[in-house]
Amino acid sequence: MRHVVLLSGMAGLAASLAAPAAAQIDYAAEERARYEACLDRIGTDPENAYEDALAWRYEAGGWPARHCEARALIALGETEEGAARLEAIASAPDTTEQWAKVVLFAEAGDAWRSAGMPAESRRAYTQALEYNNESAPLWVGRARGALDQAMWAAAEADASAAIRQDGAMGEAYTIRAEARLELGDLDGAQRDMEMARQIDPADIDALLIRGRINEARRTGG
């Protein structure tokens, strides 16, 4: 059965980073169109998107062809292989645009997390942050990796960094609320939970954390 992995949150990040840099891409307009078409095809026909990307790569398509190939692999359920390839592409000598490196490492981070490998996810996000440490989504991505490994202090620190970059990012408050709850800071967890719910009243994770905070206060835990 086909298993499609959603690279959560990266579409907006990719757009925000790529848009101002689009004019700097050093391949022709028709190649850009082929790149976009290949990525678009993954959503509806990943098998043929993969075949197209493979053929394009052998035609010297460069990192865009390899990127589409890796994304298609992920959509086809080869998540670990796709994540590893995304990291390799980001580190390759021909991937010179900084925005591309950031997006590739971040997509790798999401893919590793989808594969149940949070340490690898956190590593990939750490690499992305080396190229842009002012992106709240990147800090949240790294915080997720810490949370998945029960690295509560690291998750709190990364979520705090995200909040410094974007004080309206509800997920960052939710992550920090959970981290502070686990660290025994019930007042801090309460404040963050309330802020997360103010930003998004329908945040299920924040509601669950509210219940855990109430239980901890009731039991003295």
N, C-alpha and C. Protein backbone atom coordinates (compact mmCIF):
# COMPACT_ATOMS: atom_id res chain seq x y z
N MET A 1 0.86 -1.20 0.00
CA MET A 1 0.00 0.00 0.00
C MET A 1 0.89 1.24 0.00
N ARG A 2 0.49 2.19 -0.81
CA ARG A 2 1.28 3.42 -0.88
C ARG A 2 1.17 4.17 0.42
N HIS A 3 2.30 4.64 0.90
CA HIS A 3 2.32 5.39 2.16
C HIS A 3 2.86 6.77 1.86
N VAL A 4 2.02 7.77 1.98
CA VAL A 4 2.43 9.14 1.69
C VAL A 4 2.80 9.83 2.97
N VAL A 5 4.01 10.33 3.07
CA VAL A 5 4.48 11.03 4.25
C VAL A 5 4.32 12.52 4.03
N LEU A 6 3.63 13.17 4.92
CA LEU A 6 3.46 14.60 4.83
C LEU A 6 4.62 15.29 5.53
N LEU A 7 5.25 16.20 4.82
CA LEU A 7 6.36 16.94 5.41
C LEU A 7 5.76 18.17 6.10
N SER A 8 5.34 17.97 7.32
CA SER A 8 4.51 18.94 8.02
C SER A 8 5.19 20.28 8.19
N GLY A 9 4.46 21.32 7.80
CA GLY A 9 4.92 22.68 8.05
C GLY A 9 5.94 23.20 7.08
N MET A 10 6.44 22.37 6.15
CA MET A 10 7.54 22.82 5.33
C MET A 10 7.09 23.59 4.10
N ALA A 11 5.84 23.44 3.69
CA ALA A 11 5.39 24.14 2.49
C ALA A 11 5.53 25.66 2.68
N GLY A 12 5.06 26.16 3.82
CA GLY A 12 5.17 27.58 4.07
C GLY A 12 6.59 28.04 4.22
N LEU A 13 7.41 27.25 4.89
CA LEU A 13 8.82 27.61 5.05
C LEU A 13 9.50 27.65 3.70
N ALA A 14 9.24 26.65 2.87
CA ALA A 14 9.87 26.60 1.56
C ALA A 14 9.49 27.83 0.74
N ALA A 15 8.21 28.19 0.79
CA ALA A 15 7.76 29.35 0.03
C ALA A 15 8.41 30.63 0.53
N SER A 16 8.50 30.77 1.84
CA SER A 16 9.04 32.01 2.40
C SER A 16 10.51 32.17 2.10
N LEU A 17 11.23 31.04 2.05
CA LEU A 17 12.66 31.10 1.79
C LEU A 17 12.95 31.16 0.30
N ALA A 18 12.15 30.46 -0.49
CA ALA A 18 12.45 30.36 -1.91
C ALA A 18 12.03 31.60 -2.69
N ALA A 19 10.92 32.23 -2.28
CA ALA A 19 10.39 33.32 -3.07
C ALA A 19 11.40 34.43 -3.33
N PRO A 20 12.08 34.97 -2.30
CA PRO A 20 13.02 36.04 -2.58
C PRO A 20 14.26 35.57 -3.30
N ALA A 21 14.50 34.27 -3.31
CA ALA A 21 15.71 33.76 -3.93
C ALA A 21 15.47 33.20 -5.32
N ALA A 22 14.22 33.20 -5.77
CA ALA A 22 13.90 32.52 -7.02
C ALA A 22 14.71 33.08 -8.19
N ALA A 23 14.92 34.38 -8.19
CA ALA A 23 15.64 34.98 -9.30
C ALA A 23 17.11 34.59 -9.32
N GLN A 24 17.61 34.03 -8.22
CA GLN A 24 19.02 33.70 -8.14
C GLN A 24 19.32 32.28 -8.58
N ILE A 25 18.27 31.47 -8.82
CA ILE A 25 18.51 30.09 -9.20
C ILE A 25 19.19 30.07 -10.56
N ASP A 26 20.25 29.26 -10.66
CA ASP A 26 21.12 29.34 -11.82
C ASP A 26 20.79 28.34 -12.92
N TYR A 27 19.57 27.81 -12.92
CA TYR A 27 19.19 26.97 -14.03
C TYR A 27 18.05 27.64 -14.80
N ALA A 28 17.86 27.24 -16.05
CA ALA A 28 16.97 27.95 -16.96
C ALA A 28 15.52 27.85 -16.54
N ALA A 29 14.72 28.76 -17.11
CA ALA A 29 13.31 28.81 -16.75
C ALA A 29 12.61 27.49 -17.04
N GLU A 30 12.95 26.84 -18.14
CA GLU A 30 12.30 25.56 -18.45
C GLU A 30 12.67 24.49 -17.44
N GLU A 31 13.88 24.58 -16.90
CA GLU A 31 14.28 23.63 -15.86
C GLU A 31 13.53 23.90 -14.56
N ARG A 32 13.30 25.16 -14.26
CA ARG A 32 12.50 25.49 -13.08
C ARG A 32 11.08 24.95 -13.23
N ALA A 33 10.53 25.10 -14.43
CA ALA A 33 9.18 24.58 -14.68
C ALA A 33 9.16 23.06 -14.53
N ARG A 34 10.21 22.40 -15.02
CA ARG A 34 10.26 20.94 -14.89
C ARG A 34 10.36 20.53 -13.42
N TYR A 35 11.13 21.29 -12.67
CA TYR A 35 11.29 21.03 -11.24
C TYR A 35 9.95 21.14 -10.52
N GLU A 36 9.24 22.24 -10.76
CA GLU A 36 7.96 22.45 -10.10
C GLU A 36 6.94 21.38 -10.51
N ALA A 37 6.95 21.02 -11.80
CA ALA A 37 6.02 20.00 -12.28
C ALA A 37 6.31 18.65 -11.64
N CYS A 38 7.58 18.35 -11.48
CA CYS A 38 7.97 17.08 -10.87
C CYS A 38 7.50 17.01 -9.42
N LEU A 39 7.74 18.08 -8.67
CA LEU A 39 7.29 18.12 -7.27
C LEU A 39 5.77 18.05 -7.17
N ASP A 40 5.08 18.75 -8.06
CA ASP A 40 3.62 18.73 -8.04
C ASP A 40 3.08 17.33 -8.32
N ARG A 41 3.75 16.61 -9.21
CA ARG A 41 3.27 15.28 -9.61
C ARG A 41 3.35 14.26 -8.47
N ILE A 42 4.23 14.51 -7.52
CA ILE A 42 4.39 13.57 -6.41
C ILE A 42 3.08 13.35 -5.67
N GLY A 43 2.30 14.41 -5.54
CA GLY A 43 1.05 14.31 -4.79
C GLY A 43 0.02 13.39 -5.43
N THR A 44 0.05 13.26 -6.74
CA THR A 44 -0.95 12.46 -7.44
C THR A 44 -0.40 11.20 -8.09
N ASP A 45 0.88 11.21 -8.42
CA ASP A 45 1.45 10.08 -9.16
C ASP A 45 2.92 9.91 -8.79
N PRO A 46 3.20 9.50 -7.55
CA PRO A 46 4.60 9.44 -7.10
C PRO A 46 5.46 8.45 -7.88
N GLU A 47 4.85 7.36 -8.37
CA GLU A 47 5.65 6.39 -9.12
C GLU A 47 6.25 7.03 -10.38
N ASN A 48 5.40 7.71 -11.15
CA ASN A 48 5.91 8.34 -12.36
C ASN A 48 6.73 9.58 -12.07
N ALA A 49 6.43 10.26 -10.97
CA ALA A 49 7.28 11.39 -10.57
C ALA A 49 8.69 10.89 -10.29
N TYR A 50 8.79 9.73 -9.64
CA TYR A 50 10.10 9.15 -9.37
C TYR A 50 10.82 8.79 -10.66
N GLU A 51 10.11 8.17 -11.59
CA GLU A 51 10.72 7.80 -12.87
C GLU A 51 11.17 9.04 -13.64
N ASP A 52 10.34 10.08 -13.63
CA ASP A 52 10.72 11.33 -14.30
C ASP A 52 11.98 11.92 -13.67
N ALA A 53 12.01 11.94 -12.34
CA ALA A 53 13.16 12.51 -11.64
C ALA A 53 14.42 11.71 -11.92
N LEU A 54 14.28 10.38 -11.96
CA LEU A 54 15.43 9.51 -12.24
C LEU A 54 15.99 9.80 -13.62
N ALA A 55 15.11 9.89 -14.62
CA ALA A 55 15.56 10.19 -15.98
C ALA A 55 16.21 11.56 -16.04
N TRP A 56 15.60 12.52 -15.36
CA TRP A 56 16.13 13.89 -15.35
C TRP A 56 17.50 13.94 -14.70
N ARG A 57 17.67 13.16 -13.63
CA ARG A 57 18.98 13.13 -12.97
C ARG A 57 20.06 12.65 -13.93
N TYR A 58 19.75 11.64 -14.72
CA TYR A 58 20.74 11.13 -15.67
C TYR A 58 20.97 12.08 -16.84
N GLU A 59 20.08 13.05 -16.98
CA GLU A 59 20.27 14.11 -17.97
C GLU A 59 20.98 15.31 -17.36
N ALA A 60 21.63 15.10 -16.22
CA ALA A 60 22.35 16.17 -15.50
C ALA A 60 21.38 17.22 -14.97
N GLY A 61 20.30 16.75 -14.34
CA GLY A 61 19.32 17.67 -13.79
C GLY A 61 19.76 18.37 -12.51
N GLY A 62 20.88 17.95 -11.94
CA GLY A 62 21.39 18.62 -10.75
C GLY A 62 20.57 18.33 -9.51
N TRP A 63 20.76 19.18 -8.49
CA TRP A 63 20.08 18.91 -7.22
C TRP A 63 18.56 18.97 -7.32
N PRO A 64 17.95 19.79 -8.21
CA PRO A 64 16.48 19.76 -8.28
C PRO A 64 15.95 18.38 -8.68
N ALA A 65 16.61 17.71 -9.62
CA ALA A 65 16.18 16.36 -10.02
C ALA A 65 16.32 15.40 -8.85
N ARG A 66 17.43 15.49 -8.12
CA ARG A 66 17.65 14.59 -6.99
C ARG A 66 16.67 14.88 -5.85
N HIS A 67 16.30 16.16 -5.71
CA HIS A 67 15.33 16.53 -4.68
C HIS A 67 13.98 15.90 -4.99
N CYS A 68 13.53 16.01 -6.24
CA CYS A 68 12.26 15.42 -6.61
C CYS A 68 12.30 13.90 -6.43
N GLU A 69 13.42 13.30 -6.77
CA GLU A 69 13.57 11.85 -6.61
C GLU A 69 13.44 11.45 -5.14
N ALA A 70 14.09 12.20 -4.26
CA ALA A 70 14.03 11.89 -2.82
C ALA A 70 12.62 12.07 -2.28
N ARG A 71 11.96 13.15 -2.69
CA ARG A 71 10.59 13.39 -2.23
C ARG A 71 9.65 12.29 -2.72
N ALA A 72 9.84 11.85 -3.96
CA ALA A 72 9.01 10.77 -4.50
C ALA A 72 9.22 9.48 -3.71
N LEU A 73 10.46 9.20 -3.36
CA LEU A 73 10.74 8.00 -2.56
C LEU A 73 9.99 8.05 -1.23
N ILE A 74 9.98 9.21 -0.61
CA ILE A 74 9.27 9.35 0.66
C ILE A 74 7.77 9.10 0.46
N ALA A 75 7.21 9.66 -0.60
CA ALA A 75 5.79 9.46 -0.88
C ALA A 75 5.47 7.99 -1.16
N LEU A 76 6.47 7.25 -1.64
CA LEU A 76 6.28 5.83 -1.93
C LEU A 76 6.57 4.94 -0.72
N GLY A 77 6.85 5.57 0.41
CA GLY A 77 7.05 4.80 1.64
C GLY A 77 8.50 4.51 1.98
N GLU A 78 9.43 4.94 1.12
CA GLU A 78 10.86 4.73 1.40
C GLU A 78 11.38 5.94 2.20
N THR A 79 10.82 6.08 3.40
CA THR A 79 11.02 7.32 4.15
C THR A 79 12.47 7.50 4.60
N GLU A 80 13.06 6.47 5.15
CA GLU A 80 14.45 6.60 5.62
C GLU A 80 15.41 6.88 4.47
N GLU A 81 15.23 6.16 3.37
CA GLU A 81 16.09 6.40 2.21
C GLU A 81 15.92 7.81 1.69
N GLY A 82 14.66 8.26 1.62
CA GLY A 82 14.41 9.62 1.15
C GLY A 82 15.01 10.66 2.07
N ALA A 83 14.90 10.45 3.37
CA ALA A 83 15.47 11.40 4.34
C ALA A 83 16.98 11.47 4.19
N ALA A 84 17.62 10.32 4.05
CA ALA A 84 19.08 10.29 3.90
C ALA A 84 19.50 11.01 2.62
N ARG A 85 18.73 10.83 1.56
CA ARG A 85 19.07 11.50 0.31
C ARG A 85 18.88 13.00 0.41
N LEU A 86 17.83 13.43 1.09
CA LEU A 86 17.62 14.87 1.27
C LEU A 86 18.82 15.51 1.97
N GLU A 87 19.31 14.86 3.01
CA GLU A 87 20.48 15.40 3.71
C GLU A 87 21.71 15.42 2.81
N ALA A 88 21.87 14.35 2.02
CA ALA A 88 23.02 14.29 1.11
C ALA A 88 22.95 15.39 0.06
N ILE A 89 21.75 15.65 -0.45
CA ILE A 89 21.59 16.72 -1.44
C ILE A 89 21.90 18.08 -0.82
N ALA A 90 21.43 18.29 0.40
CA ALA A 90 21.68 19.56 1.07
C ALA A 90 23.16 19.82 1.26
N SER A 91 23.93 18.75 1.44
CA SER A 91 25.37 18.88 1.69
C SER A 91 26.21 18.81 0.41
N ALA A 92 25.57 18.55 -0.71
CA ALA A 92 26.30 18.36 -1.96
C ALA A 92 26.90 19.67 -2.47
N PRO A 93 28.03 19.61 -3.15
CA PRO A 93 28.69 20.84 -3.63
C PRO A 93 27.84 21.65 -4.60
N ASP A 94 26.95 21.00 -5.36
CA ASP A 94 26.17 21.76 -6.34
C ASP A 94 24.92 22.39 -5.74
N THR A 95 24.63 22.12 -4.48
CA THR A 95 23.52 22.80 -3.80
C THR A 95 24.10 24.03 -3.13
N THR A 96 24.13 25.11 -3.87
CA THR A 96 24.83 26.31 -3.38
C THR A 96 23.90 27.33 -2.74
N GLU A 97 22.60 27.31 -3.08
CA GLU A 97 21.67 28.30 -2.55
C GLU A 97 21.36 27.99 -1.08
N GLN A 98 21.51 28.99 -0.24
CA GLN A 98 21.30 28.78 1.19
C GLN A 98 19.86 28.38 1.48
N TRP A 99 18.89 29.01 0.81
CA TRP A 99 17.49 28.68 1.07
C TRP A 99 17.22 27.21 0.75
N ALA A 100 17.86 26.70 -0.30
CA ALA A 100 17.66 25.30 -0.67
C ALA A 100 18.22 24.37 0.40
N LYS A 101 19.38 24.69 0.92
CA LYS A 101 19.96 23.87 1.98
C LYS A 101 19.03 23.82 3.19
N VAL A 102 18.48 24.97 3.56
CA VAL A 102 17.58 25.02 4.71
C VAL A 102 16.36 24.13 4.49
N VAL A 103 15.73 24.28 3.33
CA VAL A 103 14.52 23.51 3.04
C VAL A 103 14.83 22.02 2.99
N LEU A 104 15.93 21.64 2.36
CA LEU A 104 16.30 20.23 2.24
C LEU A 104 16.57 19.60 3.60
N PHE A 105 17.34 20.29 4.43
CA PHE A 105 17.62 19.75 5.77
C PHE A 105 16.32 19.66 6.59
N ALA A 106 15.47 20.68 6.47
CA ALA A 106 14.22 20.67 7.23
C ALA A 106 13.28 19.56 6.75
N GLU A 107 13.20 19.37 5.45
CA GLU A 107 12.39 18.27 4.93
C GLU A 107 12.94 16.93 5.40
N ALA A 108 14.27 16.81 5.42
CA ALA A 108 14.88 15.59 5.95
C ALA A 108 14.49 15.39 7.41
N GLY A 109 14.49 16.49 8.18
CA GLY A 109 14.10 16.39 9.58
C GLY A 109 12.68 15.87 9.75
N ASP A 110 11.76 16.37 8.93
CA ASP A 110 10.38 15.89 9.00
C ASP A 110 10.28 14.44 8.58
N ALA A 111 11.03 14.06 7.55
CA ALA A 111 10.98 12.67 7.09
C ALA A 111 11.55 11.72 8.13
N TRP A 112 12.67 12.10 8.75
CA TRP A 112 13.23 11.24 9.81
C TRP A 112 12.23 11.08 10.94
N ARG A 113 11.54 12.15 11.30
CA ARG A 113 10.56 12.05 12.39
C ARG A 113 9.40 11.14 11.98
N SER A 114 8.96 11.26 10.74
CA SER A 114 7.90 10.37 10.26
C SER A 114 8.33 8.91 10.28
N ALA A 115 9.62 8.69 10.13
CA ALA A 115 10.16 7.33 10.17
C ALA A 115 10.39 6.85 11.60
N GLY A 116 10.06 7.68 12.58
CA GLY A 116 10.24 7.30 13.98
C GLY A 116 11.68 7.39 14.44
N MET A 117 12.44 8.31 13.87
CA MET A 117 13.86 8.46 14.20
C MET A 117 14.13 9.89 14.65
N PRO A 118 13.72 10.23 15.89
CA PRO A 118 13.80 11.62 16.35
C PRO A 118 15.22 12.16 16.49
N ALA A 119 16.18 11.31 16.81
CA ALA A 119 17.56 11.80 16.93
C ALA A 119 18.07 12.30 15.59
N GLU A 120 17.76 11.54 14.52
CA GLU A 120 18.16 11.95 13.19
C GLU A 120 17.41 13.21 12.76
N SER A 121 16.13 13.30 13.17
CA SER A 121 15.34 14.48 12.86
C SER A 121 15.96 15.72 13.50
N ARG A 122 16.33 15.60 14.77
CA ARG A 122 16.92 16.73 15.47
C ARG A 122 18.25 17.13 14.85
N ARG A 123 19.03 16.13 14.43
CA ARG A 123 20.31 16.42 13.78
C ARG A 123 20.11 17.20 12.48
N ALA A 124 19.12 16.79 11.68
CA ALA A 124 18.88 17.46 10.41
C ALA A 124 18.43 18.91 10.64
N TYR A 125 17.56 19.10 11.64
CA TYR A 125 17.12 20.46 11.94
C TYR A 125 18.26 21.32 12.48
N THR A 126 19.16 20.70 13.21
CA THR A 126 20.34 21.44 13.69
C THR A 126 21.16 21.94 12.51
N GLN A 127 21.30 21.10 11.49
CA GLN A 127 22.03 21.51 10.29
C GLN A 127 21.31 22.65 9.57
N ALA A 128 19.98 22.58 9.50
CA ALA A 128 19.22 23.65 8.86
C ALA A 128 19.43 24.97 9.60
N LEU A 129 19.45 24.91 10.93
CA LEU A 129 19.62 26.13 11.73
C LEU A 129 20.99 26.76 11.55
N GLU A 130 21.97 25.99 11.11
CA GLU A 130 23.28 26.56 10.84
C GLU A 130 23.23 27.57 9.69
N TYR A 131 22.23 27.42 8.83
CA TYR A 131 22.09 28.33 7.69
C TYR A 131 21.04 29.40 7.92
N ASN A 132 20.15 29.19 8.89
CA ASN A 132 19.13 30.20 9.21
C ASN A 132 18.64 29.96 10.62
N ASN A 133 19.19 30.70 11.57
CA ASN A 133 18.79 30.50 12.97
C ASN A 133 17.73 31.49 13.41
N GLU A 134 17.08 32.16 12.43
CA GLU A 134 16.03 33.11 12.74
C GLU A 134 14.66 32.61 12.29
N SER A 135 14.57 31.33 11.99
CA SER A 135 13.31 30.75 11.52
C SER A 135 12.62 30.00 12.65
N ALA A 136 11.45 30.49 13.06
CA ALA A 136 10.70 29.81 14.12
C ALA A 136 10.33 28.37 13.75
N PRO A 137 9.90 28.08 12.50
CA PRO A 137 9.59 26.68 12.18
C PRO A 137 10.77 25.74 12.33
N LEU A 138 11.98 26.23 12.06
CA LEU A 138 13.15 25.36 12.23
C LEU A 138 13.39 25.05 13.70
N TRP A 139 13.24 26.05 14.56
CA TRP A 139 13.41 25.81 15.99
C TRP A 139 12.32 24.87 16.52
N VAL A 140 11.10 25.01 16.01
CA VAL A 140 10.02 24.11 16.42
C VAL A 140 10.32 22.69 15.95
N GLY A 141 10.83 22.55 14.73
CA GLY A 141 11.19 21.23 14.24
C GLY A 141 12.22 20.56 15.13
N ARG A 142 13.22 21.33 15.55
CA ARG A 142 14.24 20.75 16.42
C ARG A 142 13.67 20.45 17.81
N ALA A 143 12.75 21.30 18.26
CA ALA A 143 12.10 21.07 19.56
C ALA A 143 11.29 19.79 19.54
N ARG A 144 10.62 19.50 18.42
CA ARG A 144 9.86 18.26 18.32
C ARG A 144 10.78 17.05 18.50
N GLY A 145 11.95 17.12 17.87
CA GLY A 145 12.90 16.01 18.00
C GLY A 145 13.35 15.81 19.43
N ALA A 146 13.52 16.91 20.16
CA ALA A 146 13.90 16.81 21.57
C ALA A 146 12.76 16.23 22.39
N LEU A 147 11.55 16.70 22.12
CA LEU A 147 10.38 16.22 22.86
C LEU A 147 10.19 14.71 22.66
N ASP A 148 10.38 14.26 21.43
CA ASP A 148 10.21 12.83 21.13
C ASP A 148 11.23 11.96 21.85
N GLN A 149 12.35 12.57 22.26
CA GLN A 149 13.39 11.83 22.97
C GLN A 149 13.37 12.09 24.47
N ALA A 150 12.32 12.77 24.94
CA ALA A 150 12.20 13.12 26.36
C ALA A 150 13.36 13.99 26.82
N MET A 151 13.88 14.82 25.92
CA MET A 151 14.93 15.78 26.26
C MET A 151 14.23 17.09 26.63
N TRP A 152 13.69 17.12 27.85
CA TRP A 152 12.78 18.20 28.22
C TRP A 152 13.45 19.56 28.24
N ALA A 153 14.64 19.67 28.79
CA ALA A 153 15.33 20.97 28.86
C ALA A 153 15.66 21.47 27.46
N ALA A 154 16.10 20.56 26.58
CA ALA A 154 16.41 20.95 25.21
C ALA A 154 15.15 21.38 24.46
N ALA A 155 14.04 20.67 24.69
CA ALA A 155 12.79 21.04 24.05
C ALA A 155 12.33 22.41 24.52
N GLU A 156 12.48 22.68 25.81
CA GLU A 156 12.10 23.99 26.34
C GLU A 156 12.95 25.09 25.71
N ALA A 157 14.25 24.85 25.60
CA ALA A 157 15.15 25.86 25.04
C ALA A 157 14.84 26.13 23.56
N ASP A 158 14.61 25.07 22.80
CA ASP A 158 14.32 25.25 21.38
C ASP A 158 12.97 25.93 21.17
N ALA A 159 11.97 25.55 21.96
CA ALA A 159 10.66 26.20 21.86
C ALA A 159 10.77 27.68 22.23
N SER A 160 11.57 27.98 23.23
CA SER A 160 11.78 29.38 23.62
C SER A 160 12.43 30.17 22.49
N ALA A 161 13.38 29.55 21.79
CA ALA A 161 14.02 30.21 20.65
C ALA A 161 13.00 30.48 19.55
N ALA A 162 12.09 29.52 19.32
CA ALA A 162 11.04 29.73 18.32
C ALA A 162 10.14 30.89 18.71
N ILE A 163 9.79 30.96 19.98
CA ILE A 163 8.91 32.04 20.46
C ILE A 163 9.59 33.39 20.33
N ARG A 164 10.89 33.44 20.54
CA ARG A 164 11.61 34.71 20.35
C ARG A 164 11.53 35.17 18.91
N GLN A 165 11.50 34.24 17.97
CA GLN A 165 11.41 34.59 16.56
C GLN A 165 9.98 34.89 16.12
N ASP A 166 9.01 34.19 16.73
CA ASP A 166 7.62 34.37 16.35
C ASP A 166 6.74 34.12 17.58
N GLY A 167 6.32 35.18 18.23
CA GLY A 167 5.55 35.06 19.45
C GLY A 167 4.12 34.62 19.24
N ALA A 168 3.71 34.42 17.98
CA ALA A 168 2.34 33.99 17.70
C ALA A 168 2.30 32.55 17.20
N MET A 169 3.37 31.80 17.41
CA MET A 169 3.43 30.43 16.94
C MET A 169 2.94 29.51 18.06
N GLY A 170 1.68 29.11 17.95
CA GLY A 170 1.06 28.36 19.03
C GLY A 170 1.74 27.05 19.34
N GLU A 171 2.25 26.34 18.33
CA GLU A 171 2.87 25.05 18.58
C GLU A 171 4.09 25.18 19.48
N ALA A 172 4.80 26.29 19.35
CA ALA A 172 5.98 26.48 20.20
C ALA A 172 5.58 26.56 21.67
N TYR A 173 4.49 27.25 21.95
CA TYR A 173 4.00 27.34 23.34
C TYR A 173 3.53 25.97 23.84
N THR A 174 2.88 25.20 22.96
CA THR A 174 2.42 23.88 23.37
C THR A 174 3.59 22.97 23.71
N ILE A 175 4.62 23.01 22.87
CA ILE A 175 5.82 22.19 23.14
C ILE A 175 6.47 22.62 24.44
N ARG A 176 6.59 23.94 24.63
CA ARG A 176 7.25 24.41 25.85
C ARG A 176 6.41 24.10 27.08
N ALA A 177 5.08 24.14 26.92
CA ALA A 177 4.21 23.79 28.05
C ALA A 177 4.44 22.34 28.47
N GLU A 178 4.53 21.44 27.50
CA GLU A 178 4.76 20.03 27.83
C GLU A 178 6.14 19.84 28.46
N ALA A 179 7.15 20.50 27.90
CA ALA A 179 8.50 20.38 28.45
C ALA A 179 8.54 20.89 29.89
N ARG A 180 7.91 22.03 30.15
CA ARG A 180 7.92 22.59 31.50
C ARG A 180 7.11 21.73 32.46
N LEU A 181 6.04 21.14 31.98
CA LEU A 181 5.27 20.22 32.81
C LEU A 181 6.15 19.05 33.24
N GLU A 182 6.89 18.48 32.30
CA GLU A 182 7.77 17.36 32.61
C GLU A 182 8.91 17.77 33.54
N LEU A 183 9.31 19.03 33.46
CA LEU A 183 10.38 19.54 34.32
C LEU A 183 9.86 19.98 35.69
N GLY A 184 8.55 19.90 35.89
CA GLY A 184 7.97 20.25 37.19
C GLY A 184 7.61 21.71 37.35
N ASP A 185 7.71 22.49 36.28
CA ASP A 185 7.35 23.91 36.33
C ASP A 185 5.88 24.05 35.94
N LEU A 186 5.00 23.81 36.90
CA LEU A 186 3.58 23.81 36.58
C LEU A 186 3.05 25.20 36.24
N ASP A 187 3.56 26.22 36.92
CA ASP A 187 3.11 27.58 36.62
C ASP A 187 3.52 27.99 35.21
N GLY A 188 4.78 27.69 34.85
CA GLY A 188 5.24 28.00 33.50
C GLY A 188 4.47 27.23 32.46
N ALA A 189 4.22 25.95 32.74
CA ALA A 189 3.45 25.13 31.81
C ALA A 189 2.04 25.69 31.65
N GLN A 190 1.44 26.14 32.75
CA GLN A 190 0.08 26.72 32.70
C GLN A 190 0.07 27.97 31.82
N ARG A 191 1.05 28.85 31.99
CA ARG A 191 1.09 30.08 31.19
C ARG A 191 1.22 29.76 29.70
N ASP A 192 2.10 28.81 29.39
CA ASP A 192 2.31 28.47 27.98
C ASP A 192 1.08 27.79 27.40
N MET A 193 0.45 26.93 28.17
CA MET A 193 -0.76 26.26 27.70
C MET A 193 -1.85 27.28 27.40
N GLU A 194 -2.00 28.24 28.29
CA GLU A 194 -3.03 29.26 28.09
C GLU A 194 -2.72 30.12 26.86
N MET A 195 -1.45 30.42 26.65
CA MET A 195 -1.07 31.19 25.47
C MET A 195 -1.34 30.39 24.19
N ALA A 196 -1.01 29.10 24.23
CA ALA A 196 -1.27 28.26 23.06
C ALA A 196 -2.76 28.22 22.74
N ARG A 197 -3.59 28.11 23.76
CA ARG A 197 -5.04 28.06 23.55
C ARG A 197 -5.59 29.42 23.12
N GLN A 198 -4.95 30.49 23.54
CA GLN A 198 -5.37 31.81 23.09
C GLN A 198 -5.10 31.96 21.59
N ILE A 199 -3.96 31.44 21.16
CA ILE A 199 -3.61 31.51 19.73
C ILE A 199 -4.49 30.57 18.92
N ASP A 200 -4.73 29.38 19.44
CA ASP A 200 -5.55 28.39 18.75
C ASP A 200 -6.41 27.65 19.76
N PRO A 201 -7.65 28.12 19.96
CA PRO A 201 -8.53 27.48 20.95
C PRO A 201 -8.81 26.01 20.67
N ALA A 202 -8.62 25.58 19.44
CA ALA A 202 -8.90 24.19 19.08
C ALA A 202 -7.68 23.29 19.17
N ASP A 203 -6.59 23.78 19.73
CA ASP A 203 -5.35 23.00 19.83
C ASP A 203 -5.58 21.82 20.79
N ILE A 204 -5.71 20.63 20.24
CA ILE A 204 -6.00 19.44 21.04
C ILE A 204 -4.85 19.14 22.00
N ASP A 205 -3.62 19.29 21.52
CA ASP A 205 -2.47 19.00 22.38
C ASP A 205 -2.46 19.91 23.60
N ALA A 206 -2.79 21.18 23.39
CA ALA A 206 -2.84 22.12 24.52
C ALA A 206 -3.93 21.71 25.51
N LEU A 207 -5.06 21.25 25.00
CA LEU A 207 -6.14 20.80 25.88
C LEU A 207 -5.70 19.58 26.70
N LEU A 208 -4.98 18.67 26.06
CA LEU A 208 -4.48 17.49 26.79
C LEU A 208 -3.49 17.90 27.87
N ILE A 209 -2.65 18.86 27.55
CA ILE A 209 -1.68 19.33 28.54
C ILE A 209 -2.40 20.02 29.70
N ARG A 210 -3.47 20.74 29.40
CA ARG A 210 -4.25 21.36 30.48
C ARG A 210 -4.74 20.30 31.46
N GLY A 211 -5.24 19.20 30.92
CA GLY A 211 -5.70 18.12 31.78
C GLY A 211 -4.58 17.54 32.61
N ARG A 212 -3.40 17.38 32.01
CA ARG A 212 -2.27 16.84 32.75
C ARG A 212 -1.80 17.81 33.84
N ILE A 213 -1.84 19.10 33.55
CA ILE A 213 -1.47 20.10 34.55
C ILE A 213 -2.44 20.05 35.74
N ASN A 214 -3.72 19.99 35.42
CA ASN A 214 -4.72 19.92 36.49
C ASN A 214 -4.53 18.67 37.35
N GLU A 215 -4.24 17.55 36.70
CA GLU A 215 -4.02 16.31 37.43
C GLU A 215 -2.77 16.41 38.29
N ALA A 216 -1.71 17.04 37.76
CA ALA A 216 -0.48 17.19 38.54
C ALA A 216 -0.71 18.08 39.77
N ARG A 217 -1.52 19.10 39.60
CA ARG A 217 -1.82 19.97 40.75
C ARG A 217 -2.66 19.21 41.78
N ARG A 218 -3.59 18.40 41.30
CA ARG A 218 -4.46 17.65 42.20
C ARG A 218 -3.70 16.62 43.02
N THR A 219 -2.75 15.96 42.38
CA THR A 219 -2.01 14.89 43.04
C THR A 219 -0.71 15.35 43.68
N GLY A 220 -0.34 16.60 43.35
CA GLY A 220 0.94 17.10 43.86
C GLY A 220 2.11 16.52 43.13
N GLY A 221 1.85 15.98 41.91
CA GLY A 221 2.91 15.35 41.12
C GLY A 221 3.64 16.31 40.24
